[in-house]
Amino acid sequence: MNIITLLPASGVGFVTNNRGANGEFQFGQQSTIDACLAVGREWNVSHLHRFSIGQISKKGGGPMPPHLSHRLGVDVDVRPMRTDGQNARVTIDDAAYDRAATTALIDMWWRKAPVQLVLFNDPTVIGAELSRPSPGHGNHFHVRLRMRGATIRIRDRGSDVAELQARLGVTPDGRFGPVTAQAVEEFQAAHGLTPDGVVGRDTWAALGVV
């Protein structure tokens, strides 16, 4: 596993927490680190307080107790935003929890990163279809990303979907719906690929991505 890229301790729009000795818990796929930096840059444009990234993976991947995931360099823990802007623990039940800023941050992850899923227990965020509930996710939200060139299909969302749409001449809203699926099928048929609407390695390659 190519999990050798270390997230900086801080950068434009973000800081870190639970980093471990010498950043031992914040290694990821290059595409994951690139996504963290991209979200940070975009967040910095319109927000005063930086967000805080927690654990990702160990160098080389593999088990990282007590997590069941965080093995592949594509899982990123992020603290909810606080009203005081401090890089400190907060839960969705605390008075210092900033729901509006956290909702905006999660929405930005969906728009600026190749997001597969978000786990977070705020009912408002869940109601906005920005996260799914999961035990233990009241003091951080968990972002799972797709690697560069990963398979995507109808109902997927994220920056990789927007990139696909831009290459196909579809409005790049980052949501893989029926219009995008039809465009994919037409592209596949025109390039001698099975027109199944699923964007895998062969379709990405024909698009010049991998």
N, C-alpha and C. Protein backbone atom coordinates (compact mmCIF):
# COMPACT_ATOMS: atom_id res chain seq x y z
N MET A 1 0.84 -1.19 0.00
CA MET A 1 0.00 0.00 0.00
C MET A 1 0.88 1.24 0.00
N ASN A 2 0.53 2.19 -0.86
CA ASN A 2 1.35 3.39 -1.04
C ASN A 2 0.93 4.48 -0.05
N ILE A 3 1.07 4.19 1.23
CA ILE A 3 0.65 5.12 2.28
C ILE A 3 1.90 5.71 2.89
N ILE A 4 2.47 6.67 2.19
CA ILE A 4 3.76 7.20 2.60
C ILE A 4 3.78 8.72 2.71
N THR A 5 2.67 9.38 2.41
CA THR A 5 2.64 10.83 2.42
C THR A 5 2.13 11.34 3.75
N LEU A 6 2.90 12.22 4.39
CA LEU A 6 2.57 12.75 5.71
C LEU A 6 1.89 14.10 5.58
N LEU A 7 0.75 14.25 6.26
CA LEU A 7 0.06 15.53 6.31
C LEU A 7 0.88 16.51 7.14
N PRO A 8 1.10 17.73 6.68
CA PRO A 8 1.80 18.72 7.51
C PRO A 8 1.06 18.96 8.82
N ALA A 9 1.78 19.38 9.84
CA ALA A 9 1.16 19.63 11.15
C ALA A 9 0.12 20.75 11.09
N SER A 10 0.27 21.65 10.16
CA SER A 10 -0.72 22.71 9.93
C SER A 10 -0.50 23.26 8.53
N GLY A 11 -1.48 23.99 8.05
CA GLY A 11 -1.37 24.55 6.71
C GLY A 11 -2.49 25.54 6.49
N VAL A 12 -2.66 25.96 5.26
CA VAL A 12 -3.71 26.92 4.92
C VAL A 12 -5.07 26.32 5.23
N GLY A 13 -5.78 26.93 6.16
CA GLY A 13 -7.15 26.52 6.49
C GLY A 13 -7.28 25.41 7.49
N PHE A 14 -6.18 24.77 7.91
CA PHE A 14 -6.31 23.63 8.82
C PHE A 14 -5.17 23.56 9.84
N VAL A 15 -5.46 22.89 10.95
CA VAL A 15 -4.47 22.48 11.94
C VAL A 15 -4.68 20.98 12.17
N THR A 16 -3.96 20.39 13.08
CA THR A 16 -4.11 18.96 13.33
C THR A 16 -4.25 18.66 14.81
N ASN A 17 -4.70 17.45 15.12
CA ASN A 17 -4.81 16.96 16.49
C ASN A 17 -4.57 15.46 16.50
N ASN A 18 -4.29 14.90 17.68
CA ASN A 18 -4.06 13.45 17.82
C ASN A 18 -3.08 12.95 16.76
N ARG A 19 -2.03 13.71 16.57
CA ARG A 19 -1.09 13.45 15.47
C ARG A 19 -0.14 12.30 15.76
N GLY A 20 0.16 12.07 17.06
CA GLY A 20 1.11 11.04 17.42
C GLY A 20 2.53 11.54 17.28
N ALA A 21 3.47 10.74 17.75
CA ALA A 21 4.88 11.11 17.69
C ALA A 21 5.34 11.24 16.24
N ASN A 22 5.87 12.42 15.90
CA ASN A 22 6.38 12.67 14.55
C ASN A 22 5.32 12.45 13.46
N GLY A 23 4.06 12.68 13.85
CA GLY A 23 2.98 12.55 12.88
C GLY A 23 2.63 11.13 12.51
N GLU A 24 2.92 10.16 13.37
CA GLU A 24 2.80 8.75 13.01
C GLU A 24 1.38 8.33 12.63
N PHE A 25 0.35 9.10 13.04
CA PHE A 25 -1.02 8.72 12.73
C PHE A 25 -1.63 9.54 11.60
N GLN A 26 -0.80 10.30 10.89
CA GLN A 26 -1.34 11.17 9.85
C GLN A 26 -0.67 10.96 8.50
N PHE A 27 -0.42 9.70 8.19
CA PHE A 27 0.03 9.33 6.85
C PHE A 27 -1.18 8.91 6.01
N GLY A 28 -1.10 9.17 4.71
CA GLY A 28 -2.21 8.78 3.85
C GLY A 28 -1.76 8.56 2.42
N GLN A 29 -2.69 8.08 1.60
CA GLN A 29 -2.47 8.06 0.16
C GLN A 29 -2.19 9.49 -0.30
N GLN A 30 -1.41 9.65 -1.35
CA GLN A 30 -1.15 11.00 -1.86
C GLN A 30 -2.46 11.71 -2.19
N SER A 31 -3.42 10.98 -2.74
CA SER A 31 -4.70 11.59 -3.10
C SER A 31 -5.45 12.07 -1.86
N THR A 32 -5.29 11.37 -0.74
CA THR A 32 -5.94 11.78 0.50
C THR A 32 -5.33 13.07 1.04
N ILE A 33 -4.02 13.14 1.07
CA ILE A 33 -3.35 14.34 1.56
C ILE A 33 -3.67 15.52 0.64
N ASP A 34 -3.68 15.27 -0.65
CA ASP A 34 -4.03 16.33 -1.60
C ASP A 34 -5.44 16.85 -1.32
N ALA A 35 -6.37 15.95 -0.99
CA ALA A 35 -7.75 16.35 -0.71
C ALA A 35 -7.81 17.21 0.56
N CYS A 36 -7.07 16.80 1.59
CA CYS A 36 -7.04 17.59 2.84
C CYS A 36 -6.54 19.01 2.56
N LEU A 37 -5.49 19.13 1.78
CA LEU A 37 -4.93 20.44 1.46
C LEU A 37 -5.90 21.26 0.61
N ALA A 38 -6.59 20.60 -0.32
CA ALA A 38 -7.54 21.30 -1.18
C ALA A 38 -8.71 21.86 -0.38
N VAL A 39 -9.25 21.05 0.54
CA VAL A 39 -10.35 21.52 1.38
C VAL A 39 -9.87 22.67 2.26
N GLY A 40 -8.66 22.55 2.81
CA GLY A 40 -8.12 23.62 3.63
C GLY A 40 -8.00 24.93 2.87
N ARG A 41 -7.50 24.88 1.66
CA ARG A 41 -7.36 26.11 0.86
C ARG A 41 -8.72 26.75 0.59
N GLU A 42 -9.70 25.92 0.23
CA GLU A 42 -11.02 26.45 -0.06
C GLU A 42 -11.68 27.01 1.19
N TRP A 43 -11.54 26.30 2.32
CA TRP A 43 -12.12 26.76 3.59
C TRP A 43 -11.54 28.11 3.99
N ASN A 44 -10.27 28.29 3.77
CA ASN A 44 -9.57 29.50 4.19
C ASN A 44 -10.08 30.74 3.46
N VAL A 45 -10.66 30.54 2.28
CA VAL A 45 -11.13 31.68 1.48
C VAL A 45 -12.24 32.43 2.20
N SER A 46 -13.12 31.70 2.89
CA SER A 46 -14.32 32.35 3.43
C SER A 46 -14.54 32.14 4.93
N HIS A 47 -13.58 31.53 5.63
CA HIS A 47 -13.77 31.27 7.06
C HIS A 47 -12.56 31.69 7.86
N LEU A 48 -12.83 32.29 9.01
CA LEU A 48 -11.77 32.81 9.87
C LEU A 48 -11.02 31.71 10.60
N HIS A 49 -11.77 30.75 11.17
CA HIS A 49 -11.16 29.72 12.01
C HIS A 49 -10.78 28.48 11.18
N ARG A 50 -9.58 27.98 11.40
CA ARG A 50 -9.14 26.77 10.72
C ARG A 50 -9.80 25.54 11.32
N PHE A 51 -10.02 24.50 10.51
CA PHE A 51 -10.56 23.25 11.02
C PHE A 51 -9.42 22.33 11.43
N SER A 52 -9.74 21.28 12.19
CA SER A 52 -8.70 20.43 12.78
C SER A 52 -8.83 18.98 12.32
N ILE A 53 -7.78 18.49 11.67
CA ILE A 53 -7.74 17.12 11.17
C ILE A 53 -7.06 16.22 12.19
N GLY A 54 -7.69 15.06 12.47
CA GLY A 54 -7.14 14.09 13.40
C GLY A 54 -6.46 12.94 12.68
N GLN A 55 -6.75 11.75 13.12
CA GLN A 55 -6.00 10.59 12.64
C GLN A 55 -6.41 10.16 11.22
N ILE A 56 -5.42 9.66 10.49
CA ILE A 56 -5.63 9.16 9.12
C ILE A 56 -5.19 7.69 9.08
N SER A 57 -3.91 7.43 8.97
CA SER A 57 -3.35 6.08 8.99
C SER A 57 -1.91 6.14 9.46
N LYS A 58 -1.34 4.98 9.75
CA LYS A 58 0.09 4.87 10.00
C LYS A 58 0.82 4.74 8.67
N LYS A 59 2.09 5.05 8.67
CA LYS A 59 2.89 4.89 7.46
C LYS A 59 2.86 3.43 7.02
N GLY A 60 2.50 3.21 5.78
CA GLY A 60 2.39 1.86 5.25
C GLY A 60 1.03 1.22 5.47
N GLY A 61 0.18 1.85 6.29
CA GLY A 61 -1.16 1.32 6.53
C GLY A 61 -1.20 0.18 7.52
N GLY A 62 -2.28 -0.58 7.47
CA GLY A 62 -2.45 -1.69 8.40
C GLY A 62 -3.24 -1.29 9.63
N PRO A 63 -3.39 -2.23 10.59
CA PRO A 63 -4.21 -1.99 11.77
C PRO A 63 -3.78 -0.74 12.56
N MET A 64 -4.77 0.00 13.06
CA MET A 64 -4.50 1.17 13.88
C MET A 64 -5.53 1.22 15.01
N PRO A 65 -5.38 0.34 16.03
CA PRO A 65 -6.31 0.29 17.15
C PRO A 65 -6.44 1.68 17.81
N PRO A 66 -7.64 2.03 18.31
CA PRO A 66 -8.84 1.20 18.40
C PRO A 66 -9.72 1.24 17.16
N HIS A 67 -9.27 1.89 16.09
CA HIS A 67 -10.08 2.01 14.88
C HIS A 67 -10.21 0.66 14.17
N LEU A 68 -11.38 0.42 13.61
CA LEU A 68 -11.56 -0.73 12.73
C LEU A 68 -11.17 -0.38 11.30
N SER A 69 -11.24 0.92 10.98
CA SER A 69 -10.83 1.39 9.66
C SER A 69 -9.46 2.07 9.79
N HIS A 70 -9.21 3.09 9.04
CA HIS A 70 -7.92 3.82 9.06
C HIS A 70 -6.75 2.91 8.67
N ARG A 71 -6.99 1.93 7.85
CA ARG A 71 -5.95 0.99 7.43
C ARG A 71 -5.37 1.31 6.05
N LEU A 72 -6.12 2.05 5.23
CA LEU A 72 -5.76 2.18 3.82
C LEU A 72 -5.34 3.59 3.42
N GLY A 73 -5.22 4.48 4.40
CA GLY A 73 -4.80 5.84 4.08
C GLY A 73 -5.85 6.68 3.40
N VAL A 74 -7.13 6.31 3.55
CA VAL A 74 -8.22 7.07 2.91
C VAL A 74 -9.27 7.55 3.91
N ASP A 75 -9.06 7.29 5.20
CA ASP A 75 -10.01 7.69 6.24
C ASP A 75 -9.44 8.86 7.03
N VAL A 76 -10.23 9.92 7.17
CA VAL A 76 -9.76 11.15 7.81
C VAL A 76 -10.75 11.55 8.90
N ASP A 77 -10.26 11.69 10.14
CA ASP A 77 -11.09 12.19 11.23
C ASP A 77 -10.93 13.70 11.33
N VAL A 78 -12.05 14.40 11.51
CA VAL A 78 -12.03 15.86 11.60
C VAL A 78 -12.88 16.30 12.80
N ARG A 79 -12.35 17.21 13.60
CA ARG A 79 -13.12 17.72 14.73
C ARG A 79 -14.23 18.64 14.24
N PRO A 80 -15.40 18.60 14.92
CA PRO A 80 -16.42 19.61 14.63
C PRO A 80 -15.88 21.00 14.93
N MET A 81 -16.46 22.00 14.32
CA MET A 81 -16.06 23.38 14.56
C MET A 81 -16.61 23.85 15.91
N ARG A 82 -15.87 24.73 16.52
CA ARG A 82 -16.28 25.34 17.79
C ARG A 82 -16.59 26.82 17.57
N THR A 83 -17.51 27.36 18.39
CA THR A 83 -17.85 28.78 18.27
C THR A 83 -16.70 29.68 18.65
N ASP A 84 -15.76 29.18 19.49
CA ASP A 84 -14.62 30.00 19.90
C ASP A 84 -13.39 29.80 19.00
N GLY A 85 -13.50 28.91 18.01
CA GLY A 85 -12.42 28.70 17.08
C GLY A 85 -11.23 27.94 17.61
N GLN A 86 -11.33 27.41 18.83
CA GLN A 86 -10.20 26.70 19.43
C GLN A 86 -10.02 25.31 18.83
N ASN A 87 -8.78 24.86 18.78
CA ASN A 87 -8.47 23.49 18.35
C ASN A 87 -8.56 22.60 19.58
N ALA A 88 -9.78 22.28 19.96
CA ALA A 88 -10.03 21.51 21.18
C ALA A 88 -11.23 20.60 20.96
N ARG A 89 -11.31 19.57 21.77
CA ARG A 89 -12.39 18.60 21.66
C ARG A 89 -13.74 19.27 21.88
N VAL A 90 -14.74 18.85 21.12
CA VAL A 90 -16.10 19.33 21.29
C VAL A 90 -17.04 18.24 20.78
N THR A 91 -18.19 18.11 21.41
CA THR A 91 -19.19 17.16 20.95
C THR A 91 -20.42 17.91 20.45
N ILE A 92 -21.29 17.19 19.78
CA ILE A 92 -22.49 17.83 19.22
C ILE A 92 -23.44 18.31 20.31
N ASP A 93 -23.23 17.90 21.55
CA ASP A 93 -24.09 18.32 22.66
C ASP A 93 -23.51 19.47 23.46
N ASP A 94 -22.30 19.91 23.14
CA ASP A 94 -21.65 20.99 23.88
C ASP A 94 -22.15 22.35 23.42
N ALA A 95 -22.17 23.31 24.35
CA ALA A 95 -22.56 24.68 24.01
C ALA A 95 -21.59 25.31 23.02
N ALA A 96 -20.33 24.87 23.04
CA ALA A 96 -19.32 25.46 22.15
C ALA A 96 -19.37 24.89 20.74
N TYR A 97 -20.22 23.91 20.49
CA TYR A 97 -20.31 23.31 19.16
C TYR A 97 -20.95 24.28 18.19
N ASP A 98 -20.31 24.49 17.05
CA ASP A 98 -20.82 25.39 16.01
C ASP A 98 -21.42 24.54 14.89
N ARG A 99 -22.72 24.35 14.96
CA ARG A 99 -23.40 23.48 13.99
C ARG A 99 -23.33 24.06 12.58
N ALA A 100 -23.55 25.36 12.45
CA ALA A 100 -23.58 25.97 11.13
C ALA A 100 -22.23 25.83 10.44
N ALA A 101 -21.15 26.11 11.16
CA ALA A 101 -19.82 26.03 10.57
C ALA A 101 -19.45 24.57 10.25
N THR A 102 -19.84 23.66 11.13
CA THR A 102 -19.54 22.25 10.89
C THR A 102 -20.29 21.73 9.67
N THR A 103 -21.54 22.12 9.55
CA THR A 103 -22.33 21.72 8.38
C THR A 103 -21.69 22.25 7.10
N ALA A 104 -21.26 23.51 7.14
CA ALA A 104 -20.61 24.10 5.97
C ALA A 104 -19.31 23.38 5.64
N LEU A 105 -18.56 22.97 6.67
CA LEU A 105 -17.30 22.28 6.45
C LEU A 105 -17.53 20.90 5.83
N ILE A 106 -18.50 20.16 6.34
CA ILE A 106 -18.78 18.84 5.77
C ILE A 106 -19.26 18.97 4.32
N ASP A 107 -20.08 19.96 4.06
CA ASP A 107 -20.54 20.20 2.69
C ASP A 107 -19.34 20.50 1.78
N MET A 108 -18.36 21.24 2.31
CA MET A 108 -17.18 21.56 1.51
C MET A 108 -16.35 20.32 1.21
N TRP A 109 -16.24 19.41 2.18
CA TRP A 109 -15.55 18.14 1.92
C TRP A 109 -16.22 17.41 0.76
N TRP A 110 -17.55 17.37 0.76
CA TRP A 110 -18.26 16.69 -0.32
C TRP A 110 -17.97 17.34 -1.68
N ARG A 111 -17.80 18.66 -1.70
CA ARG A 111 -17.63 19.37 -2.96
C ARG A 111 -16.18 19.40 -3.44
N LYS A 112 -15.23 19.37 -2.52
CA LYS A 112 -13.84 19.59 -2.89
C LYS A 112 -12.96 18.34 -2.75
N ALA A 113 -13.53 17.21 -2.35
CA ALA A 113 -12.76 15.98 -2.18
C ALA A 113 -13.53 14.81 -2.78
N PRO A 114 -12.83 13.73 -3.12
CA PRO A 114 -13.51 12.54 -3.67
C PRO A 114 -14.12 11.71 -2.55
N VAL A 115 -15.19 12.20 -1.96
CA VAL A 115 -15.76 11.62 -0.75
C VAL A 115 -16.63 10.40 -1.07
N GLN A 116 -16.39 9.33 -0.33
CA GLN A 116 -17.21 8.13 -0.44
C GLN A 116 -18.34 8.16 0.58
N LEU A 117 -18.01 8.54 1.81
CA LEU A 117 -19.03 8.66 2.85
C LEU A 117 -18.52 9.54 3.98
N VAL A 118 -19.46 10.07 4.77
CA VAL A 118 -19.15 10.81 5.99
C VAL A 118 -19.98 10.22 7.11
N LEU A 119 -19.32 9.92 8.24
CA LEU A 119 -20.00 9.43 9.43
C LEU A 119 -19.98 10.53 10.49
N PHE A 120 -21.17 10.92 10.96
CA PHE A 120 -21.28 11.98 11.98
C PHE A 120 -22.70 11.95 12.52
N ASN A 121 -22.85 12.19 13.82
CA ASN A 121 -24.13 11.92 14.48
C ASN A 121 -25.02 13.13 14.70
N ASP A 122 -24.69 14.29 14.17
CA ASP A 122 -25.58 15.44 14.31
C ASP A 122 -26.84 15.20 13.47
N PRO A 123 -28.02 15.16 14.09
CA PRO A 123 -29.25 14.88 13.34
C PRO A 123 -29.51 15.88 12.21
N THR A 124 -29.10 17.14 12.42
CA THR A 124 -29.31 18.15 11.38
C THR A 124 -28.47 17.85 10.15
N VAL A 125 -27.23 17.45 10.37
CA VAL A 125 -26.34 17.12 9.26
C VAL A 125 -26.84 15.86 8.55
N ILE A 126 -27.30 14.89 9.34
CA ILE A 126 -27.86 13.67 8.76
C ILE A 126 -29.08 14.01 7.91
N GLY A 127 -29.94 14.89 8.46
CA GLY A 127 -31.15 15.28 7.74
C GLY A 127 -30.86 15.99 6.43
N ALA A 128 -29.71 16.65 6.36
CA ALA A 128 -29.30 17.33 5.13
C ALA A 128 -28.61 16.37 4.16
N GLU A 129 -28.58 15.08 4.51
CA GLU A 129 -27.97 14.02 3.70
C GLU A 129 -26.47 14.27 3.47
N LEU A 130 -25.83 14.82 4.50
CA LEU A 130 -24.40 15.07 4.45
C LEU A 130 -23.60 14.04 5.25
N SER A 131 -24.29 13.24 6.07
CA SER A 131 -23.59 12.22 6.85
C SER A 131 -24.54 11.08 7.18
N ARG A 132 -23.94 10.00 7.70
CA ARG A 132 -24.68 8.87 8.23
C ARG A 132 -24.33 8.72 9.70
N PRO A 133 -25.26 8.25 10.53
CA PRO A 133 -24.94 8.05 11.95
C PRO A 133 -24.06 6.83 12.15
N SER A 134 -23.23 6.89 13.18
CA SER A 134 -22.37 5.77 13.53
C SER A 134 -21.94 5.91 14.97
N PRO A 135 -21.94 4.83 15.76
CA PRO A 135 -21.54 4.92 17.17
C PRO A 135 -20.17 5.57 17.32
N GLY A 136 -20.06 6.46 18.30
CA GLY A 136 -18.79 7.09 18.60
C GLY A 136 -18.43 8.28 17.74
N HIS A 137 -19.36 8.75 16.92
CA HIS A 137 -19.05 9.85 16.02
C HIS A 137 -19.84 11.11 16.39
N GLY A 138 -19.80 11.43 17.68
CA GLY A 138 -20.40 12.67 18.16
C GLY A 138 -19.36 13.73 18.44
N ASN A 139 -18.09 13.35 18.53
CA ASN A 139 -17.02 14.32 18.78
C ASN A 139 -16.07 14.50 17.60
N HIS A 140 -16.37 13.86 16.48
CA HIS A 140 -15.62 14.06 15.25
C HIS A 140 -16.45 13.52 14.09
N PHE A 141 -16.15 14.01 12.90
CA PHE A 141 -16.76 13.36 11.73
C PHE A 141 -15.66 12.65 10.95
N HIS A 142 -16.06 11.53 10.39
CA HIS A 142 -15.14 10.62 9.71
C HIS A 142 -15.41 10.71 8.22
N VAL A 143 -14.40 11.10 7.46
CA VAL A 143 -14.51 11.21 6.00
C VAL A 143 -13.76 10.04 5.37
N ARG A 144 -14.42 9.27 4.55
CA ARG A 144 -13.76 8.21 3.78
C ARG A 144 -13.68 8.67 2.33
N LEU A 145 -12.48 8.67 1.80
CA LEU A 145 -12.24 9.15 0.45
C LEU A 145 -12.01 8.00 -0.53
N ARG A 146 -12.21 8.28 -1.80
CA ARG A 146 -11.83 7.35 -2.85
C ARG A 146 -10.43 7.70 -3.34
N MET A 147 -9.70 6.68 -3.76
CA MET A 147 -8.38 6.91 -4.35
C MET A 147 -8.54 7.44 -5.77
N ARG A 148 -7.47 8.00 -6.29
CA ARG A 148 -7.47 8.51 -7.66
C ARG A 148 -7.80 7.38 -8.62
N GLY A 149 -8.79 7.60 -9.48
CA GLY A 149 -9.16 6.59 -10.46
C GLY A 149 -10.05 5.48 -9.93
N ALA A 150 -10.57 5.64 -8.71
CA ALA A 150 -11.47 4.63 -8.16
C ALA A 150 -12.78 4.59 -8.95
N THR A 151 -13.44 3.44 -8.92
CA THR A 151 -14.71 3.28 -9.64
C THR A 151 -15.80 4.15 -9.04
N ILE A 152 -16.52 4.86 -9.88
CA ILE A 152 -17.67 5.64 -9.45
C ILE A 152 -18.85 5.30 -10.35
N ARG A 153 -20.05 5.54 -9.81
CA ARG A 153 -21.27 5.18 -10.52
C ARG A 153 -22.40 6.07 -10.05
N ILE A 154 -23.58 5.86 -10.61
CA ILE A 154 -24.74 6.68 -10.28
C ILE A 154 -24.99 6.67 -8.77
N ARG A 155 -25.34 7.85 -8.25
CA ARG A 155 -25.58 8.18 -6.84
C ARG A 155 -24.31 8.52 -6.07
N ASP A 156 -23.13 8.37 -6.68
CA ASP A 156 -21.91 8.82 -6.02
C ASP A 156 -21.82 10.34 -6.08
N ARG A 157 -21.00 10.90 -5.17
CA ARG A 157 -20.79 12.35 -5.11
C ARG A 157 -19.31 12.62 -4.90
N GLY A 158 -18.90 13.86 -5.09
CA GLY A 158 -17.54 14.23 -4.76
C GLY A 158 -16.82 14.95 -5.88
N SER A 159 -15.59 15.37 -5.58
CA SER A 159 -14.80 16.13 -6.55
C SER A 159 -14.42 15.30 -7.77
N ASP A 160 -14.27 13.98 -7.58
CA ASP A 160 -13.95 13.15 -8.74
C ASP A 160 -15.14 13.04 -9.69
N VAL A 161 -16.34 13.08 -9.14
CA VAL A 161 -17.54 13.10 -9.98
C VAL A 161 -17.58 14.41 -10.77
N ALA A 162 -17.26 15.52 -10.10
CA ALA A 162 -17.24 16.82 -10.78
C ALA A 162 -16.19 16.84 -11.89
N GLU A 163 -15.03 16.21 -11.64
CA GLU A 163 -14.00 16.14 -12.67
C GLU A 163 -14.49 15.33 -13.87
N LEU A 164 -15.15 14.21 -13.59
CA LEU A 164 -15.72 13.40 -14.66
C LEU A 164 -16.70 14.23 -15.48
N GLN A 165 -17.60 14.92 -14.79
CA GLN A 165 -18.61 15.71 -15.49
C GLN A 165 -17.99 16.78 -16.38
N ALA A 166 -16.95 17.44 -15.86
CA ALA A 166 -16.29 18.48 -16.64
C ALA A 166 -15.68 17.90 -17.91
N ARG A 167 -15.10 16.72 -17.80
CA ARG A 167 -14.48 16.09 -18.97
C ARG A 167 -15.53 15.64 -19.99
N LEU A 168 -16.73 15.37 -19.51
CA LEU A 168 -17.80 14.91 -20.40
C LEU A 168 -18.67 16.07 -20.90
N GLY A 169 -18.41 17.28 -20.42
CA GLY A 169 -19.22 18.41 -20.84
C GLY A 169 -20.55 18.51 -20.13
N VAL A 170 -20.64 17.88 -18.94
CA VAL A 170 -21.85 17.94 -18.12
C VAL A 170 -21.62 18.96 -17.00
N THR A 171 -22.67 19.65 -16.59
CA THR A 171 -22.53 20.62 -15.50
C THR A 171 -21.88 19.95 -14.30
N PRO A 172 -20.72 20.43 -13.84
CA PRO A 172 -19.96 19.75 -12.78
C PRO A 172 -20.48 20.07 -11.38
N ASP A 173 -21.61 19.47 -11.03
CA ASP A 173 -22.18 19.70 -9.70
C ASP A 173 -21.72 18.66 -8.68
N GLY A 174 -20.90 17.68 -9.11
CA GLY A 174 -20.37 16.69 -8.18
C GLY A 174 -21.35 15.61 -7.78
N ARG A 175 -22.48 15.52 -8.47
CA ARG A 175 -23.49 14.50 -8.17
C ARG A 175 -23.72 13.64 -9.41
N PHE A 176 -23.49 12.35 -9.25
CA PHE A 176 -23.59 11.41 -10.37
C PHE A 176 -25.05 10.97 -10.50
N GLY A 177 -25.78 11.70 -11.35
CA GLY A 177 -27.19 11.39 -11.57
C GLY A 177 -27.43 10.81 -12.95
N PRO A 178 -28.70 10.73 -13.35
CA PRO A 178 -29.04 10.13 -14.64
C PRO A 178 -28.41 10.82 -15.85
N VAL A 179 -28.29 12.16 -15.81
CA VAL A 179 -27.70 12.87 -16.94
C VAL A 179 -26.23 12.49 -17.09
N THR A 180 -25.54 12.41 -15.97
CA THR A 180 -24.13 12.01 -16.01
C THR A 180 -24.00 10.56 -16.48
N ALA A 181 -24.87 9.69 -15.98
CA ALA A 181 -24.82 8.28 -16.39
C ALA A 181 -25.02 8.14 -17.90
N GLN A 182 -25.96 8.91 -18.45
CA GLN A 182 -26.19 8.85 -19.90
C GLN A 182 -24.95 9.33 -20.66
N ALA A 183 -24.34 10.40 -20.17
CA ALA A 183 -23.13 10.93 -20.82
C ALA A 183 -22.00 9.91 -20.77
N VAL A 184 -21.88 9.20 -19.64
CA VAL A 184 -20.86 8.17 -19.52
C VAL A 184 -21.11 7.05 -20.52
N GLU A 185 -22.36 6.60 -20.60
CA GLU A 185 -22.68 5.50 -21.52
C GLU A 185 -22.38 5.90 -22.97
N GLU A 186 -22.70 7.13 -23.33
CA GLU A 186 -22.44 7.58 -24.69
C GLU A 186 -20.93 7.65 -24.95
N PHE A 187 -20.18 8.12 -23.97
CA PHE A 187 -18.72 8.18 -24.11
C PHE A 187 -18.14 6.77 -24.24
N GLN A 188 -18.62 5.86 -23.40
CA GLN A 188 -18.11 4.49 -23.46
C GLN A 188 -18.39 3.85 -24.81
N ALA A 189 -19.60 4.02 -25.30
CA ALA A 189 -19.96 3.43 -26.59
C ALA A 189 -19.09 3.99 -27.71
N ALA A 190 -18.79 5.29 -27.63
CA ALA A 190 -17.99 5.93 -28.67
C ALA A 190 -16.53 5.52 -28.62
N HIS A 191 -16.11 4.94 -27.49
CA HIS A 191 -14.71 4.57 -27.33
C HIS A 191 -14.52 3.06 -27.22
N GLY A 192 -15.50 2.30 -27.68
CA GLY A 192 -15.37 0.85 -27.72
C GLY A 192 -15.41 0.17 -26.37
N LEU A 193 -16.02 0.82 -25.39
CA LEU A 193 -16.14 0.26 -24.05
C LEU A 193 -17.58 -0.19 -23.81
N THR A 194 -17.74 -1.11 -22.87
CA THR A 194 -19.10 -1.55 -22.52
C THR A 194 -19.87 -0.37 -21.94
N PRO A 195 -21.00 0.01 -22.55
CA PRO A 195 -21.74 1.20 -22.09
C PRO A 195 -22.63 0.90 -20.88
N ASP A 196 -21.97 0.69 -19.73
CA ASP A 196 -22.71 0.34 -18.52
C ASP A 196 -22.88 1.52 -17.57
N GLY A 197 -22.32 2.67 -17.90
CA GLY A 197 -22.47 3.84 -17.04
C GLY A 197 -21.62 3.82 -15.79
N VAL A 198 -20.78 2.81 -15.64
CA VAL A 198 -19.90 2.69 -14.48
C VAL A 198 -18.50 3.13 -14.91
N VAL A 199 -17.94 4.07 -14.17
CA VAL A 199 -16.64 4.63 -14.54
C VAL A 199 -15.55 3.90 -13.75
N GLY A 200 -14.91 2.93 -14.41
CA GLY A 200 -13.80 2.19 -13.83
C GLY A 200 -12.50 2.56 -14.50
N ARG A 201 -11.49 1.73 -14.31
CA ARG A 201 -10.15 2.05 -14.81
C ARG A 201 -10.13 2.30 -16.32
N ASP A 202 -10.82 1.47 -17.10
CA ASP A 202 -10.77 1.63 -18.56
C ASP A 202 -11.41 2.94 -19.00
N THR A 203 -12.52 3.30 -18.37
CA THR A 203 -13.18 4.54 -18.73
C THR A 203 -12.35 5.75 -18.30
N TRP A 204 -11.79 5.69 -17.09
CA TRP A 204 -10.91 6.78 -16.64
C TRP A 204 -9.73 6.92 -17.61
N ALA A 205 -9.16 5.79 -18.02
CA ALA A 205 -8.01 5.84 -18.94
C ALA A 205 -8.40 6.50 -20.26
N ALA A 206 -9.58 6.17 -20.77
CA ALA A 206 -10.04 6.77 -22.02
C ALA A 206 -10.27 8.27 -21.86
N LEU A 207 -10.56 8.68 -20.64
CA LEU A 207 -10.75 10.10 -20.35
C LEU A 207 -9.42 10.81 -20.08
N GLY A 208 -8.33 10.02 -20.02
CA GLY A 208 -7.02 10.60 -19.79
C GLY A 208 -6.69 10.88 -18.35
N VAL A 209 -7.38 10.18 -17.42
CA VAL A 209 -7.18 10.45 -16.00
C VAL A 209 -6.16 9.51 -15.39
N VAL A 210 -6.18 8.23 -15.74
CA VAL A 210 -5.22 7.26 -15.19
C VAL A 210 -4.57 6.49 -16.33
